[in-house]
């Protein structure tokens, strides 16, 4: 009997999964720097535009690699992240992946502190490992919106 810890590794390349976005992103990556340099009159503005657009689109253009083990999940790529299972306070299931959040309630900080795990071709395995290690945070199955009242308020 082996005491080796189970490690799940998978890779997702969004440019291959969503090729319809490729022309628009490439047009922006080439056009905006050229336009910025031309309008502002210096190449440094074009370089700044290229850097900003590359930073925003690198996770789409480059493969994202994941590694999940008994301690947590690690995302490798342009924006690497690490989330230990005990830090997960909320799990939000989606069509293409699952968001692991260190916050118990929805917040704008999820994009910076949470980790989004794209399923890729490993949906069942990813769901299984999240359910196994995040049982303490599985109270929410989908992103919930706050209920709004009828708009009629009375003052006492």
N, C-alpha and C. Protein backbone atom coordinates (compact mmCIF):
# COMPACT_ATOMS: atom_id res chain seq x y z
N UNK A 1 0.85 -1.17 0.00
CA UNK A 1 0.00 0.00 0.00
C UNK A 1 0.89 1.24 0.00
N UNK A 2 0.62 2.17 -0.89
CA UNK A 2 1.43 3.37 -1.05
C UNK A 2 0.90 4.50 -0.19
N UNK A 3 1.81 5.24 0.46
CA UNK A 3 1.41 6.38 1.27
C UNK A 3 1.66 7.69 0.52
N UNK A 4 1.85 7.58 -0.80
CA UNK A 4 2.06 8.76 -1.64
C UNK A 4 0.81 9.63 -1.62
N UNK A 5 0.96 10.94 -1.41
CA UNK A 5 -0.20 11.82 -1.46
C UNK A 5 -0.71 11.95 -2.91
N UNK A 6 -2.03 12.06 -3.03
CA UNK A 6 -2.64 12.19 -4.34
C UNK A 6 -2.45 13.61 -4.84
N UNK A 7 -1.94 13.74 -6.05
CA UNK A 7 -1.73 15.05 -6.67
C UNK A 7 -2.46 15.04 -8.01
N UNK A 8 -3.29 16.06 -8.21
CA UNK A 8 -4.00 16.22 -9.46
C UNK A 8 -3.36 17.39 -10.20
N UNK A 9 -2.92 17.14 -11.42
CA UNK A 9 -2.33 18.19 -12.25
C UNK A 9 -3.14 18.28 -13.55
N UNK A 10 -3.45 19.52 -13.94
CA UNK A 10 -4.12 19.72 -15.21
C UNK A 10 -3.76 21.09 -15.77
N UNK A 11 -4.03 21.25 -17.04
CA UNK A 11 -3.67 22.48 -17.74
C UNK A 11 -4.86 22.93 -18.57
N UNK A 12 -5.05 24.25 -18.64
CA UNK A 12 -6.12 24.83 -19.44
C UNK A 12 -5.51 25.94 -20.28
N UNK A 13 -5.77 25.91 -21.58
CA UNK A 13 -5.31 26.96 -22.48
C UNK A 13 -6.55 27.62 -23.07
N UNK A 14 -6.91 28.78 -22.54
CA UNK A 14 -8.15 29.44 -22.91
C UNK A 14 -8.17 29.86 -24.38
N UNK A 15 -7.04 30.21 -24.96
CA UNK A 15 -7.01 30.61 -26.36
C UNK A 15 -7.43 29.45 -27.27
N UNK A 16 -7.13 28.24 -26.89
CA UNK A 16 -7.53 27.07 -27.68
C UNK A 16 -8.99 26.70 -27.42
N UNK A 17 -9.47 26.98 -26.21
CA UNK A 17 -10.84 26.64 -25.86
C UNK A 17 -11.83 27.69 -26.38
N UNK A 18 -11.37 28.93 -26.55
CA UNK A 18 -12.25 30.02 -26.99
C UNK A 18 -11.59 30.77 -28.15
N UNK A 19 -11.42 30.11 -29.29
CA UNK A 19 -10.69 30.74 -30.41
C UNK A 19 -11.40 31.94 -31.02
N UNK A 20 -12.69 32.09 -30.78
CA UNK A 20 -13.42 33.22 -31.34
C UNK A 20 -12.97 34.57 -30.76
N UNK A 21 -12.31 34.56 -29.63
CA UNK A 21 -11.82 35.79 -29.01
C UNK A 21 -10.45 36.21 -29.53
N UNK A 22 -9.75 35.30 -30.18
CA UNK A 22 -8.37 35.52 -30.62
C UNK A 22 -8.22 36.76 -31.51
N UNK A 23 -9.02 36.95 -32.57
CA UNK A 23 -8.81 38.11 -33.44
C UNK A 23 -8.97 39.45 -32.72
N UNK A 24 -9.93 39.56 -31.85
CA UNK A 24 -10.16 40.82 -31.13
C UNK A 24 -8.98 41.12 -30.19
N UNK A 25 -8.51 40.11 -29.50
CA UNK A 25 -7.39 40.30 -28.58
C UNK A 25 -6.12 40.67 -29.34
N UNK A 26 -5.87 40.01 -30.45
CA UNK A 26 -4.68 40.33 -31.23
C UNK A 26 -4.76 41.73 -31.83
N UNK A 27 -5.94 42.12 -32.27
CA UNK A 27 -6.13 43.48 -32.79
C UNK A 27 -5.83 44.51 -31.71
N UNK A 28 -6.31 44.26 -30.49
CA UNK A 28 -6.05 45.18 -29.38
C UNK A 28 -4.58 45.19 -29.01
N UNK A 29 -3.94 44.02 -28.98
CA UNK A 29 -2.53 43.94 -28.61
C UNK A 29 -1.60 44.64 -29.60
N UNK A 30 -2.00 44.67 -30.85
CA UNK A 30 -1.17 45.33 -31.86
C UNK A 30 -1.63 46.78 -32.08
N UNK A 31 -2.93 46.97 -32.19
CA UNK A 31 -3.47 48.28 -32.53
C UNK A 31 -3.34 49.33 -31.45
N UNK A 32 -3.63 48.99 -30.22
CA UNK A 32 -3.59 49.98 -29.13
C UNK A 32 -2.19 50.54 -28.90
N UNK A 33 -1.14 49.72 -28.87
CA UNK A 33 0.19 50.31 -28.70
C UNK A 33 0.60 51.22 -29.86
N UNK A 34 0.28 50.80 -31.08
CA UNK A 34 0.61 51.62 -32.24
C UNK A 34 -0.15 52.94 -32.17
N UNK A 35 -1.43 52.86 -31.90
CA UNK A 35 -2.26 54.06 -31.79
C UNK A 35 -1.80 54.95 -30.64
N UNK A 36 -1.48 54.35 -29.51
CA UNK A 36 -1.01 55.12 -28.35
C UNK A 36 0.29 55.84 -28.64
N UNK A 37 1.23 55.17 -29.28
CA UNK A 37 2.51 55.79 -29.62
C UNK A 37 2.31 56.92 -30.63
N UNK A 38 1.45 56.69 -31.60
CA UNK A 38 1.20 57.69 -32.63
C UNK A 38 0.50 58.92 -32.05
N UNK A 39 -0.55 58.71 -31.25
CA UNK A 39 -1.31 59.83 -30.71
C UNK A 39 -0.53 60.62 -29.66
N UNK A 40 0.25 59.93 -28.87
CA UNK A 40 0.99 60.60 -27.79
C UNK A 40 2.36 61.10 -28.26
N UNK A 41 2.82 60.65 -29.41
CA UNK A 41 4.04 61.16 -29.98
C UNK A 41 5.33 60.57 -29.43
N UNK A 42 5.24 59.46 -28.70
CA UNK A 42 6.46 58.83 -28.17
C UNK A 42 6.23 57.33 -28.04
N UNK A 43 7.26 56.55 -28.34
CA UNK A 43 7.15 55.09 -28.31
C UNK A 43 6.90 54.54 -26.92
N UNK A 44 7.28 55.27 -25.87
CA UNK A 44 7.11 54.77 -24.50
C UNK A 44 5.64 54.56 -24.16
N UNK A 45 4.75 55.39 -24.73
CA UNK A 45 3.32 55.22 -24.49
C UNK A 45 2.80 53.96 -25.17
N UNK A 46 3.34 53.65 -26.32
CA UNK A 46 2.98 52.39 -26.98
C UNK A 46 3.44 51.19 -26.19
N UNK A 47 4.64 51.28 -25.63
CA UNK A 47 5.16 50.20 -24.79
C UNK A 47 4.32 50.03 -23.52
N UNK A 48 3.90 51.14 -22.92
CA UNK A 48 3.05 51.07 -21.73
C UNK A 48 1.70 50.42 -22.07
N UNK A 49 1.13 50.78 -23.22
CA UNK A 49 -0.14 50.18 -23.64
C UNK A 49 0.02 48.68 -23.89
N UNK A 50 1.13 48.31 -24.52
CA UNK A 50 1.38 46.89 -24.77
C UNK A 50 1.50 46.12 -23.46
N UNK A 51 2.24 46.66 -22.49
CA UNK A 51 2.41 45.99 -21.20
C UNK A 51 1.07 45.82 -20.48
N UNK A 52 0.26 46.87 -20.47
CA UNK A 52 -1.04 46.78 -19.79
C UNK A 52 -1.95 45.75 -20.45
N UNK A 53 -1.99 45.76 -21.77
CA UNK A 53 -2.85 44.80 -22.47
C UNK A 53 -2.32 43.37 -22.34
N UNK A 54 -1.01 43.20 -22.40
CA UNK A 54 -0.43 41.87 -22.21
C UNK A 54 -0.76 41.33 -20.83
N UNK A 55 -0.61 42.17 -19.81
CA UNK A 55 -0.91 41.75 -18.44
C UNK A 55 -2.37 41.34 -18.29
N UNK A 56 -3.25 42.03 -18.99
CA UNK A 56 -4.68 41.73 -18.89
C UNK A 56 -5.08 40.48 -19.67
N UNK A 57 -4.33 40.14 -20.70
CA UNK A 57 -4.73 39.02 -21.57
C UNK A 57 -3.82 37.80 -21.49
N UNK A 58 -2.77 37.85 -20.71
CA UNK A 58 -1.79 36.75 -20.67
C UNK A 58 -2.41 35.44 -20.20
N UNK A 59 -3.34 35.49 -19.26
CA UNK A 59 -3.96 34.23 -18.81
C UNK A 59 -4.81 33.60 -19.91
N UNK A 60 -5.26 34.39 -20.87
CA UNK A 60 -5.98 33.86 -22.02
C UNK A 60 -4.99 33.29 -23.04
N UNK A 61 -3.92 34.02 -23.29
CA UNK A 61 -2.98 33.65 -24.35
C UNK A 61 -2.04 32.51 -23.98
N UNK A 62 -1.67 32.41 -22.70
CA UNK A 62 -0.73 31.39 -22.24
C UNK A 62 -1.47 30.30 -21.46
N UNK A 63 -0.94 29.08 -21.46
CA UNK A 63 -1.57 28.01 -20.68
C UNK A 63 -1.52 28.30 -19.17
N UNK A 64 -2.57 27.88 -18.48
CA UNK A 64 -2.62 27.96 -17.02
C UNK A 64 -2.48 26.53 -16.51
N UNK A 65 -1.54 26.32 -15.60
CA UNK A 65 -1.31 25.00 -15.03
C UNK A 65 -1.77 24.99 -13.58
N UNK A 66 -2.41 23.90 -13.19
CA UNK A 66 -2.89 23.74 -11.83
C UNK A 66 -2.28 22.49 -11.22
N UNK A 67 -2.10 22.55 -9.91
CA UNK A 67 -1.65 21.39 -9.15
C UNK A 67 -2.40 21.41 -7.82
N UNK A 68 -3.14 20.36 -7.55
CA UNK A 68 -3.90 20.25 -6.31
C UNK A 68 -3.41 19.02 -5.55
N UNK A 69 -3.18 19.21 -4.25
CA UNK A 69 -2.77 18.09 -3.39
C UNK A 69 -3.50 18.22 -2.06
N UNK A 70 -3.08 17.49 -1.07
CA UNK A 70 -3.76 17.48 0.23
C UNK A 70 -3.65 18.81 0.96
N UNK A 71 -2.69 19.63 0.62
CA UNK A 71 -2.50 20.91 1.32
C UNK A 71 -3.26 22.06 0.68
N UNK A 72 -3.39 22.05 -0.65
CA UNK A 72 -4.07 23.14 -1.32
C UNK A 72 -3.95 23.03 -2.82
N UNK A 73 -4.25 24.14 -3.49
CA UNK A 73 -4.18 24.19 -4.95
C UNK A 73 -3.27 25.34 -5.36
N UNK A 74 -2.47 25.09 -6.39
CA UNK A 74 -1.52 26.08 -6.90
C UNK A 74 -1.82 26.32 -8.37
N UNK A 75 -1.92 27.60 -8.72
CA UNK A 75 -2.10 28.00 -10.12
C UNK A 75 -0.78 28.55 -10.61
N UNK A 76 -0.32 28.03 -11.73
CA UNK A 76 0.93 28.51 -12.33
C UNK A 76 0.61 29.09 -13.69
N UNK A 77 1.25 30.18 -13.98
CA UNK A 77 1.03 30.88 -15.25
C UNK A 77 1.48 32.31 -15.08
N UNK A 78 0.89 33.22 -15.83
CA UNK A 78 1.27 34.63 -15.75
C UNK A 78 0.96 35.20 -14.37
N UNK A 79 -0.16 34.80 -13.77
CA UNK A 79 -0.50 35.28 -12.43
C UNK A 79 -0.62 34.09 -11.47
N UNK A 80 0.52 33.63 -10.95
CA UNK A 80 0.50 32.45 -10.07
C UNK A 80 -0.20 32.74 -8.74
N UNK A 81 -0.89 31.73 -8.23
CA UNK A 81 -1.59 31.87 -6.95
C UNK A 81 -1.54 30.54 -6.21
N UNK A 82 -1.69 30.65 -4.91
CA UNK A 82 -1.72 29.47 -4.05
C UNK A 82 -2.87 29.64 -3.07
N UNK A 83 -3.69 28.61 -2.90
CA UNK A 83 -4.78 28.64 -1.93
C UNK A 83 -4.73 27.35 -1.13
N UNK A 84 -4.53 27.48 0.15
CA UNK A 84 -4.56 26.31 1.04
C UNK A 84 -6.02 25.99 1.33
N UNK A 85 -6.33 24.71 1.44
CA UNK A 85 -7.72 24.29 1.63
C UNK A 85 -8.33 24.90 2.88
N UNK A 86 -7.57 25.02 3.95
CA UNK A 86 -8.15 25.55 5.19
C UNK A 86 -8.51 27.03 5.09
N UNK A 87 -7.96 27.74 4.11
CA UNK A 87 -8.28 29.16 3.91
C UNK A 87 -9.57 29.38 3.13
N UNK A 88 -10.07 28.33 2.47
CA UNK A 88 -11.27 28.47 1.65
C UNK A 88 -12.48 28.61 2.56
N UNK A 89 -13.18 29.73 2.40
CA UNK A 89 -14.38 29.99 3.20
C UNK A 89 -15.67 29.88 2.37
N UNK A 90 -15.52 29.96 1.05
CA UNK A 90 -16.69 29.91 0.17
C UNK A 90 -16.29 29.30 -1.16
N UNK A 91 -17.17 28.47 -1.69
CA UNK A 91 -16.98 27.81 -2.98
C UNK A 91 -18.13 28.21 -3.88
N UNK A 92 -17.82 28.75 -5.05
CA UNK A 92 -18.85 29.16 -6.00
C UNK A 92 -18.65 28.36 -7.28
N UNK A 93 -19.62 27.48 -7.56
CA UNK A 93 -19.54 26.62 -8.74
C UNK A 93 -20.00 27.39 -9.96
N UNK A 94 -19.33 27.19 -11.07
CA UNK A 94 -19.71 27.83 -12.32
C UNK A 94 -19.74 26.83 -13.46
N UNK A 95 -20.13 27.31 -14.62
CA UNK A 95 -20.22 26.47 -15.81
C UNK A 95 -18.85 25.99 -16.28
N UNK A 96 -17.85 26.88 -16.21
CA UNK A 96 -16.52 26.56 -16.73
C UNK A 96 -15.48 26.29 -15.65
N UNK A 97 -15.83 26.53 -14.39
CA UNK A 97 -14.86 26.35 -13.33
C UNK A 97 -15.47 26.64 -11.97
N UNK A 98 -14.62 26.65 -10.97
CA UNK A 98 -15.06 26.87 -9.59
C UNK A 98 -14.16 27.93 -8.95
N UNK A 99 -14.79 28.85 -8.22
CA UNK A 99 -14.07 29.90 -7.53
C UNK A 99 -13.90 29.52 -6.07
N UNK A 100 -12.66 29.52 -5.60
CA UNK A 100 -12.36 29.27 -4.19
C UNK A 100 -12.03 30.62 -3.56
N UNK A 101 -12.81 31.00 -2.58
CA UNK A 101 -12.65 32.32 -1.98
C UNK A 101 -12.25 32.23 -0.51
N UNK A 102 -11.35 33.11 -0.07
CA UNK A 102 -11.01 33.16 1.35
C UNK A 102 -12.00 34.00 2.15
N UNK A 103 -13.05 34.50 1.49
CA UNK A 103 -14.06 35.33 2.15
C UNK A 103 -15.37 34.57 2.26
N UNK A 104 -16.04 34.68 3.40
CA UNK A 104 -17.29 33.97 3.62
C UNK A 104 -18.44 34.56 2.81
N UNK A 105 -18.35 35.83 2.45
CA UNK A 105 -19.41 36.50 1.71
C UNK A 105 -18.84 37.08 0.42
N UNK A 106 -19.69 37.27 -0.61
CA UNK A 106 -19.20 37.83 -1.87
C UNK A 106 -18.54 39.21 -1.66
N UNK A 107 -17.43 39.41 -2.32
CA UNK A 107 -16.71 40.67 -2.24
C UNK A 107 -15.93 40.89 -3.52
N UNK A 108 -15.62 42.12 -3.81
CA UNK A 108 -14.83 42.44 -5.00
C UNK A 108 -13.39 41.93 -4.89
N UNK A 109 -12.96 41.64 -3.69
CA UNK A 109 -11.60 41.16 -3.48
C UNK A 109 -11.39 39.71 -3.94
N UNK A 110 -12.48 39.00 -4.27
CA UNK A 110 -12.35 37.62 -4.75
C UNK A 110 -11.42 37.52 -5.94
N UNK A 111 -11.47 38.52 -6.83
CA UNK A 111 -10.64 38.49 -8.03
C UNK A 111 -9.15 38.57 -7.70
N UNK A 112 -8.82 39.12 -6.54
CA UNK A 112 -7.42 39.30 -6.17
C UNK A 112 -6.93 38.29 -5.14
N UNK A 113 -7.83 37.81 -4.31
CA UNK A 113 -7.43 36.89 -3.25
C UNK A 113 -7.89 35.46 -3.48
N UNK A 114 -8.93 35.30 -4.29
CA UNK A 114 -9.45 33.97 -4.56
C UNK A 114 -8.70 33.32 -5.71
N UNK A 115 -9.04 32.06 -5.96
CA UNK A 115 -8.45 31.31 -7.07
C UNK A 115 -9.59 30.71 -7.88
N UNK A 116 -9.59 30.99 -9.18
CA UNK A 116 -10.58 30.39 -10.07
C UNK A 116 -9.94 29.18 -10.75
N UNK A 117 -10.54 28.03 -10.57
CA UNK A 117 -10.03 26.79 -11.17
C UNK A 117 -10.85 26.48 -12.41
N UNK A 118 -10.26 26.66 -13.58
CA UNK A 118 -10.91 26.28 -14.82
C UNK A 118 -10.94 24.76 -14.86
N UNK A 119 -12.08 24.19 -15.25
CA UNK A 119 -12.18 22.73 -15.31
C UNK A 119 -11.33 22.14 -16.43
N UNK A 120 -11.36 22.75 -17.59
CA UNK A 120 -10.70 22.15 -18.74
C UNK A 120 -11.37 20.82 -19.07
N UNK A 121 -10.59 19.80 -19.28
CA UNK A 121 -11.11 18.46 -19.57
C UNK A 121 -11.18 17.60 -18.31
N UNK A 122 -11.08 18.21 -17.15
CA UNK A 122 -11.01 17.46 -15.89
C UNK A 122 -12.09 17.89 -14.90
N UNK A 123 -13.28 18.14 -15.39
CA UNK A 123 -14.36 18.64 -14.54
C UNK A 123 -14.64 17.72 -13.35
N UNK A 124 -14.81 16.45 -13.60
CA UNK A 124 -15.15 15.51 -12.54
C UNK A 124 -14.05 15.44 -11.47
N UNK A 125 -12.79 15.41 -11.90
CA UNK A 125 -11.69 15.33 -10.96
C UNK A 125 -11.57 16.60 -10.12
N UNK A 126 -11.75 17.76 -10.78
CA UNK A 126 -11.66 19.03 -10.04
C UNK A 126 -12.81 19.14 -9.04
N UNK A 127 -14.02 18.82 -9.46
CA UNK A 127 -15.16 18.87 -8.55
C UNK A 127 -14.95 17.92 -7.37
N UNK A 128 -14.43 16.73 -7.65
CA UNK A 128 -14.21 15.75 -6.60
C UNK A 128 -13.19 16.25 -5.57
N UNK A 129 -12.07 16.79 -6.03
CA UNK A 129 -11.05 17.24 -5.08
C UNK A 129 -11.51 18.45 -4.28
N UNK A 130 -12.30 19.34 -4.90
CA UNK A 130 -12.83 20.49 -4.16
C UNK A 130 -13.84 20.03 -3.12
N UNK A 131 -14.73 19.11 -3.50
CA UNK A 131 -15.71 18.59 -2.53
C UNK A 131 -15.03 17.86 -1.38
N UNK A 132 -13.96 17.15 -1.67
CA UNK A 132 -13.23 16.41 -0.64
C UNK A 132 -12.55 17.33 0.36
N UNK A 133 -11.86 18.36 -0.14
CA UNK A 133 -11.05 19.21 0.73
C UNK A 133 -11.75 20.46 1.23
N UNK A 134 -12.89 20.82 0.64
CA UNK A 134 -13.58 22.05 1.04
C UNK A 134 -14.97 21.77 1.57
N UNK A 135 -15.17 20.64 2.20
CA UNK A 135 -16.49 20.29 2.73
C UNK A 135 -16.98 21.34 3.73
N UNK A 136 -16.05 21.99 4.42
CA UNK A 136 -16.40 23.02 5.40
C UNK A 136 -16.95 24.29 4.76
N UNK A 137 -16.77 24.48 3.45
CA UNK A 137 -17.16 25.72 2.79
C UNK A 137 -18.20 25.50 1.69
N UNK A 138 -18.84 24.36 1.65
CA UNK A 138 -19.74 24.04 0.55
C UNK A 138 -21.19 24.45 0.77
N UNK A 139 -21.44 25.42 1.61
CA UNK A 139 -22.81 25.85 1.86
C UNK A 139 -23.45 26.54 0.68
N UNK A 140 -22.66 27.08 -0.23
CA UNK A 140 -23.20 27.82 -1.37
C UNK A 140 -22.86 27.08 -2.65
N UNK A 141 -23.87 26.85 -3.49
CA UNK A 141 -23.64 26.10 -4.71
C UNK A 141 -23.54 26.98 -5.94
N UNK A 142 -24.14 28.17 -5.91
CA UNK A 142 -24.07 29.09 -7.04
C UNK A 142 -23.92 30.49 -6.48
N UNK A 143 -23.46 31.40 -7.31
CA UNK A 143 -23.35 32.79 -6.87
C UNK A 143 -24.76 33.30 -6.57
N UNK A 144 -24.96 33.81 -5.37
CA UNK A 144 -26.26 34.30 -4.96
C UNK A 144 -26.28 35.81 -5.00
N UNK A 145 -27.42 36.34 -5.40
CA UNK A 145 -27.59 37.79 -5.39
C UNK A 145 -28.45 38.15 -4.20
N UNK A 146 -28.18 39.33 -3.65
CA UNK A 146 -28.97 39.77 -2.52
C UNK A 146 -30.41 40.00 -2.95
N UNK A 147 -31.33 39.58 -2.11
CA UNK A 147 -32.73 39.81 -2.41
C UNK A 147 -33.04 41.28 -2.19
N UNK A 148 -33.76 41.82 -3.14
CA UNK A 148 -34.15 43.22 -3.03
C UNK A 148 -35.60 43.28 -2.61
N UNK A 149 -35.88 44.26 -1.82
CA UNK A 149 -37.25 44.45 -1.36
C UNK A 149 -38.15 44.95 -2.47
N UNK A 150 -39.36 45.26 -2.13
CA UNK A 150 -40.32 45.71 -3.13
C UNK A 150 -40.12 47.17 -3.49
N UNK A 151 -39.27 47.85 -2.74
CA UNK A 151 -39.02 49.26 -3.02
C UNK A 151 -39.88 50.16 -2.17
N UNK A 152 -40.79 49.58 -1.40
CA UNK A 152 -41.68 50.36 -0.55
C UNK A 152 -41.12 50.30 0.85
N UNK A 153 -40.75 51.45 1.38
CA UNK A 153 -40.19 51.51 2.71
C UNK A 153 -41.05 52.42 3.58
N UNK A 154 -41.23 52.01 4.80
CA UNK A 154 -41.99 52.85 5.74
C UNK A 154 -41.06 53.27 6.85
N UNK A 155 -41.30 54.47 7.33
CA UNK A 155 -40.50 54.96 8.44
C UNK A 155 -41.32 54.95 9.70
N UNK A 156 -40.71 54.60 10.78
CA UNK A 156 -41.43 54.55 12.06
C UNK A 156 -41.35 55.88 12.76
